[in-house]
Amino acid sequence: MSKQFGKFLKSSSLLALVAAPAMVFAAPPTDPISTFGILGSYNDFKLEGGSESDKDQMPQAGLFYNFGNKLTAESGFIYQAGVDAKFGKKSDNKLKEGQADLDLGWRAALDARNFVDVLVGGGYNWTRYEPESGDYDMQLTSKSPFAKAALGYNHQFDSMTLRVEAGARYTLDGRAKLKVDGIGSDTVDLKDRTNPYAEVSLLMNQNGDLPVMAGLYYTRTEYKLDADSEVADNTKLKRDEYGFKVGLAF
C-alpha cells in the first residue's frame, strides 16, 4: 500500500509541474475595459483659397477616453465608444477640436491567438482652425457627422494584445463657418469626403493590476466648401495628422 501511495505522489508531482506553466501564462481577460489617457500629434496643413496657398505645421496635445472590448474580445460581437479633445498652438496659429466615435463589429478567430474583425460605425467631429495671417484674421470652424468602416487584426500574446486597424471615415452633411475679420462671415456646406485612417495599439500587462495601452495613429482629413462663399473662393483645407496615445486600462 505504501508503494501505491508513493506512485500516487510521484504522479501528482509530475502533473503539477506540467500544469504550472499553463497557470502562469493564463489567457488574458476578455471583459470590456475603459481606457483613459493622453494623446499628442503632429499636423501638416495646406490651406488653399482662390489663387493663394499656405502650408503650416502644428503640434497638439489632449485627452481621450474609450470603453469597449475591441482590445480584449476573442470572437463574436465587438464594440467601442470613445471621445477625445485636442488643442494646439504655434505662434498665432490655433487648433481646437473634439470627436466622438462609436464602433460596432464582428470578430472571427483564425486560431487561438489570431483574430480578424469587420467594423462599421459613426461619430461627430468639431474643429476650429485659426491660421496666422499678416493681412487678416481667419477662423474656419467645421462640424461634421461621419460614417465609418474598417478592418482589424488582433494578435494575443501571453499577457498583452497587439491590434492593427485601417479604414475610412466618410463625412456626411458637414457644415463650415468661415469668418474673416474686416470682410465678414459665411456658413456653407462642406463636400462629403472620404478620409482614410490607420492605427496600431498595444495593450500591455493584461493579467496585472495596472494594464497600459499605447498606440500610434495616422489620419488624412480634407475640408472643402461645397460652393463658393461670399468671403472665400474655393477654400480647401488638407490635413495629415500623425499621433500617439498612452493610457491606463481599468
Protein backbone atom coordinates (compact mmCIF):
# COMPACT_ATOMS: atom_id res chain seq x y z
CA MET A 1 0.00 0.00 0.00
CA SER A 2 2.91 2.32 0.74
CA LYS A 3 4.28 1.66 -2.78
CA GLN A 4 0.94 2.62 -4.32
CA PHE A 5 0.87 5.80 -2.23
CA GLY A 6 4.41 6.66 -3.39
CA LYS A 7 3.41 6.20 -7.03
CA PHE A 8 0.42 8.47 -6.44
CA LEU A 9 2.66 11.20 -5.01
CA LYS A 10 5.06 10.97 -7.96
CA SER A 11 2.17 11.15 -10.45
CA SER A 12 0.66 14.15 -8.64
CA SER A 13 4.02 15.96 -8.56
CA LEU A 14 4.58 15.36 -12.29
CA LEU A 15 1.08 16.63 -13.08
CA ALA A 16 1.69 19.78 -11.02
CA LEU A 17 4.95 20.50 -12.87
CA VAL A 18 3.26 20.11 -16.26
CA ALA A 19 0.30 22.29 -15.26
CA ALA A 20 2.40 25.07 -13.69
CA PRO A 21 3.32 26.87 -16.94
CA ALA A 22 -0.32 26.87 -18.02
CA MET A 23 -1.26 28.51 -14.73
CA VAL A 24 1.45 31.15 -15.09
CA PHE A 25 0.53 32.02 -18.69
CA ALA A 26 -3.22 32.21 -18.23
CA ALA A 27 -5.29 33.68 -21.06
CA PRO A 28 -5.90 37.44 -20.76
CA PRO A 29 -9.37 38.52 -19.57
CA THR A 30 -11.92 39.19 -22.30
CA ASP A 31 -14.20 41.66 -20.47
CA PRO A 32 -14.69 45.18 -21.91
CA ILE A 33 -12.36 47.82 -20.50
CA SER A 34 -12.25 51.59 -20.01
CA THR A 35 -9.12 53.42 -21.14
CA PHE A 36 -8.23 56.97 -20.15
CA GLY A 37 -5.06 58.80 -21.09
CA ILE A 38 -3.19 61.46 -23.01
CA LEU A 39 -2.56 61.91 -26.71
CA GLY A 40 -0.26 64.01 -28.83
CA SER A 41 0.02 64.64 -32.55
CA TYR A 42 1.89 66.47 -35.29
CA ASN A 43 -0.19 68.05 -38.05
CA ASP A 44 0.67 69.13 -41.60
CA PHE A 45 -1.80 71.67 -43.02
CA LYS A 46 -2.29 73.03 -46.50
CA LEU A 47 -4.88 75.79 -46.87
CA GLU A 48 -5.93 76.74 -50.41
CA GLY A 49 -8.21 79.61 -51.31
CA GLY A 50 -8.59 81.30 -54.67
CA SER A 51 -5.12 81.68 -56.16
CA GLU A 52 -3.34 81.53 -52.78
CA SER A 53 -1.91 78.57 -50.87
CA ASP A 54 -0.48 78.37 -47.36
CA LYS A 55 1.28 75.48 -45.58
CA ASP A 56 1.81 75.08 -41.86
CA GLN A 57 2.67 72.52 -39.16
CA MET A 58 1.30 72.34 -35.65
CA PRO A 59 1.65 70.06 -32.59
CA GLN A 60 -1.36 69.10 -30.50
CA ALA A 61 -2.00 67.62 -27.06
CA GLY A 62 -5.15 66.35 -25.42
CA LEU A 63 -7.08 63.68 -23.54
CA PHE A 64 -9.06 60.62 -24.62
CA TYR A 65 -11.44 58.09 -23.08
CA ASN A 66 -12.98 54.96 -24.56
CA PHE A 67 -14.93 51.92 -23.40
CA GLY A 68 -15.36 48.59 -25.17
CA ASN A 69 -13.92 45.19 -25.98
CA LYS A 70 -12.03 45.84 -29.25
CA LEU A 71 -8.72 45.04 -27.50
CA THR A 72 -9.97 42.18 -25.31
CA ALA A 73 -12.67 40.10 -27.03
CA GLU A 74 -11.70 36.82 -28.72
CA SER A 75 -14.64 36.27 -31.06
CA GLY A 76 -18.20 37.41 -31.65
CA PHE A 77 -19.71 40.87 -31.24
CA ILE A 78 -17.26 43.73 -30.55
CA TYR A 79 -17.84 47.41 -29.80
CA GLN A 80 -16.15 50.57 -28.58
CA ALA A 81 -17.34 54.09 -27.77
CA GLY A 82 -14.88 56.93 -27.29
CA VAL A 83 -14.32 60.68 -27.07
CA ASP A 84 -11.24 62.88 -27.33
CA ALA A 85 -10.36 66.57 -27.12
CA LYS A 86 -7.23 68.26 -28.50
CA PHE A 87 -5.68 71.70 -28.55
CA GLY A 88 -2.71 73.06 -30.47
CA LYS A 89 -0.94 76.40 -30.78
CA LYS A 90 2.04 77.59 -32.78
CA SER A 91 2.82 81.31 -32.88
CA ASP A 92 -0.62 82.80 -33.59
CA ASN A 93 -1.98 79.64 -35.22
CA LYS A 94 -4.54 77.79 -33.11
CA LEU A 95 -6.35 74.48 -33.48
CA LYS A 96 -9.13 73.17 -31.25
CA GLU A 97 -11.18 70.04 -31.80
CA GLY A 98 -13.29 67.32 -30.28
CA GLN A 99 -14.53 64.00 -31.61
CA ALA A 100 -16.89 61.20 -30.58
CA ASP A 101 -16.85 57.69 -32.12
CA LEU A 102 -18.96 54.54 -31.89
CA ASP A 103 -17.69 51.28 -33.44
CA LEU A 104 -19.70 48.07 -33.85
CA GLY A 105 -18.42 44.88 -35.44
CA TRP A 106 -17.89 41.14 -35.53
CA ARG A 107 -14.67 39.23 -34.75
CA ALA A 108 -13.64 35.81 -36.10
CA ALA A 109 -10.85 33.65 -34.71
CA LEU A 110 -8.19 32.39 -37.12
CA ASP A 111 -6.62 30.30 -34.37
CA ALA A 112 -6.06 30.52 -30.61
CA ARG A 113 -4.02 33.76 -30.87
CA ASN A 114 -5.04 35.50 -34.11
CA PHE A 115 -8.34 37.25 -34.82
CA VAL A 116 -9.78 39.42 -37.61
CA ASP A 117 -12.80 41.69 -37.50
CA VAL A 118 -15.03 43.93 -39.60
CA LEU A 119 -16.25 47.23 -38.15
CA VAL A 120 -18.85 49.84 -39.02
CA GLY A 121 -19.75 52.89 -37.01
CA GLY A 122 -20.19 56.62 -36.89
CA GLY A 123 -19.45 59.75 -34.95
CA TYR A 124 -19.19 63.52 -34.86
CA ASN A 125 -16.25 65.89 -35.29
CA TRP A 126 -15.89 69.57 -34.36
CA THR A 127 -12.81 71.50 -35.49
CA ARG A 128 -11.76 75.15 -35.35
CA TYR A 129 -8.61 76.23 -37.20
CA GLU A 130 -7.29 79.79 -36.83
CA PRO A 131 -4.31 80.32 -39.18
CA GLU A 132 -1.88 83.18 -38.70
CA SER A 133 -2.05 85.91 -41.32
CA GLY A 134 -0.36 89.27 -41.59
CA ASP A 135 -3.28 90.80 -43.51
CA TYR A 136 -6.37 89.43 -41.78
CA ASP A 137 -7.59 87.04 -39.06
CA MET A 138 -9.45 83.94 -40.21
CA GLN A 139 -11.48 81.25 -38.42
CA LEU A 140 -12.59 78.07 -40.14
CA THR A 141 -14.99 76.07 -37.95
CA SER A 142 -16.35 72.75 -39.19
CA LYS A 143 -19.00 70.43 -37.77
CA SER A 144 -19.18 67.04 -39.45
CA PRO A 145 -21.07 63.85 -38.63
CA PHE A 146 -19.45 60.82 -40.26
CA ALA A 147 -19.93 57.15 -41.06
CA LYS A 148 -17.08 54.69 -40.62
CA ALA A 149 -15.92 51.30 -41.97
CA ALA A 150 -12.74 49.41 -41.07
CA LEU A 151 -10.91 46.08 -40.87
CA GLY A 152 -8.98 44.97 -37.80
CA TYR A 153 -6.45 42.34 -36.77
CA ASN A 154 -5.62 41.23 -33.20
CA HIS A 155 -2.71 39.07 -32.06
CA GLN A 156 -2.87 37.81 -28.49
CA PHE A 157 0.40 37.28 -26.61
CA ASP A 158 0.57 35.71 -23.13
CA SER A 159 -0.06 38.98 -21.28
CA MET A 160 -0.65 41.59 -24.00
CA THR A 161 -2.54 42.15 -27.25
CA LEU A 162 -1.40 43.81 -30.48
CA ARG A 163 -4.11 45.38 -32.65
CA VAL A 164 -3.90 46.87 -36.16
CA GLU A 165 -6.87 48.72 -37.68
CA ALA A 166 -7.31 50.51 -41.02
CA GLY A 167 -10.36 52.12 -42.53
CA ALA A 168 -12.06 55.34 -43.58
CA ARG A 169 -14.43 57.95 -42.20
CA TYR A 170 -16.95 59.41 -44.66
CA THR A 171 -18.23 62.87 -43.70
CA LEU A 172 -21.95 63.48 -44.15
CA ASP A 173 -23.71 66.87 -44.42
CA GLY A 174 -20.84 68.78 -42.85
CA ARG A 175 -21.10 72.50 -42.21
CA ALA A 176 -18.35 75.10 -42.09
CA LYS A 177 -18.36 78.68 -40.85
CA LEU A 178 -15.66 80.85 -42.35
CA LYS A 179 -15.05 84.17 -40.59
CA VAL A 180 -12.62 86.76 -41.93
CA ASP A 181 -12.11 89.95 -39.92
CA GLY A 182 -12.81 93.05 -41.95
CA ILE A 183 -14.66 91.10 -44.63
CA GLY A 184 -17.42 89.15 -42.88
CA SER A 185 -18.54 85.61 -42.21
CA ASP A 186 -20.47 82.94 -44.03
CA THR A 187 -21.77 79.45 -43.24
CA VAL A 188 -21.71 76.93 -46.07
CA ASP A 189 -21.99 73.20 -46.63
CA LEU A 190 -18.88 71.03 -46.78
CA LYS A 191 -18.47 68.49 -49.53
CA ASP A 192 -18.78 64.89 -48.41
CA ARG A 193 -15.26 63.42 -48.26
CA THR A 194 -13.65 60.03 -47.61
CA ASN A 195 -10.87 60.37 -45.03
CA PRO A 196 -8.59 57.32 -44.51
CA TYR A 197 -7.01 56.40 -41.18
CA ALA A 198 -4.82 53.70 -39.64
CA GLU A 199 -3.81 52.85 -36.07
CA VAL A 200 -1.67 50.37 -34.16
CA SER A 201 -2.40 49.66 -30.47
CA LEU A 202 -0.72 47.55 -27.79
CA LEU A 203 -2.48 46.57 -24.56
CA MET A 204 0.21 45.52 -22.08
CA ASN A 205 0.17 43.79 -18.69
CA GLN A 206 -3.36 42.44 -19.24
CA ASN A 207 -3.05 39.94 -16.40
CA GLY A 208 -1.65 42.54 -13.97
CA ASP A 209 -3.25 45.11 -11.72
CA LEU A 210 -2.43 48.07 -13.98
CA PRO A 211 -2.84 47.37 -17.73
CA VAL A 212 -1.39 50.03 -20.03
CA MET A 213 -2.46 50.90 -23.59
CA ALA A 214 -0.07 52.58 -26.04
CA GLY A 215 -0.64 53.28 -29.71
CA LEU A 216 0.18 55.21 -32.88
CA TYR A 217 -2.28 56.56 -35.46
CA TYR A 218 -2.49 58.43 -38.77
CA THR A 219 -5.45 60.34 -40.23
CA ARG A 220 -5.89 62.21 -43.51
CA THR A 221 -8.69 64.81 -43.48
CA GLU A 222 -9.87 67.19 -46.18
CA TYR A 223 -12.33 70.04 -45.75
CA LYS A 224 -13.75 71.64 -48.91
CA LEU A 225 -16.57 74.15 -49.27
CA ASP A 226 -19.47 72.80 -51.30
CA ALA A 227 -19.98 76.12 -53.09
CA ASP A 228 -18.29 79.48 -53.46
CA SER A 229 -18.73 81.71 -50.42
CA GLU A 230 -19.07 85.48 -50.18
CA VAL A 231 -15.88 85.57 -48.10
CA ALA A 232 -13.90 82.75 -49.73
CA ASP A 233 -13.19 81.47 -53.21
CA ASN A 234 -12.96 77.66 -53.46
CA THR A 235 -11.41 77.31 -49.98
CA LYS A 236 -9.95 73.87 -49.20
CA LEU A 237 -8.01 72.63 -46.15
CA LYS A 238 -5.95 69.41 -46.25
CA ARG A 239 -4.56 67.89 -43.08
CA ASP A 240 -2.24 64.96 -42.31
CA GLU A 241 -2.14 64.01 -38.61
CA TYR A 242 0.45 61.69 -37.03
CA GLY A 243 -0.22 60.91 -33.38
CA PHE A 244 0.22 58.70 -30.33
CA LYS A 245 -1.91 57.64 -27.36
CA VAL A 246 -0.90 56.38 -23.91
CA GLY A 247 -3.41 55.46 -21.23
CA LEU A 248 -4.39 53.25 -18.31
CA ALA A 249 -6.97 50.49 -18.78
CA PHE A 250 -9.36 49.56 -15.97
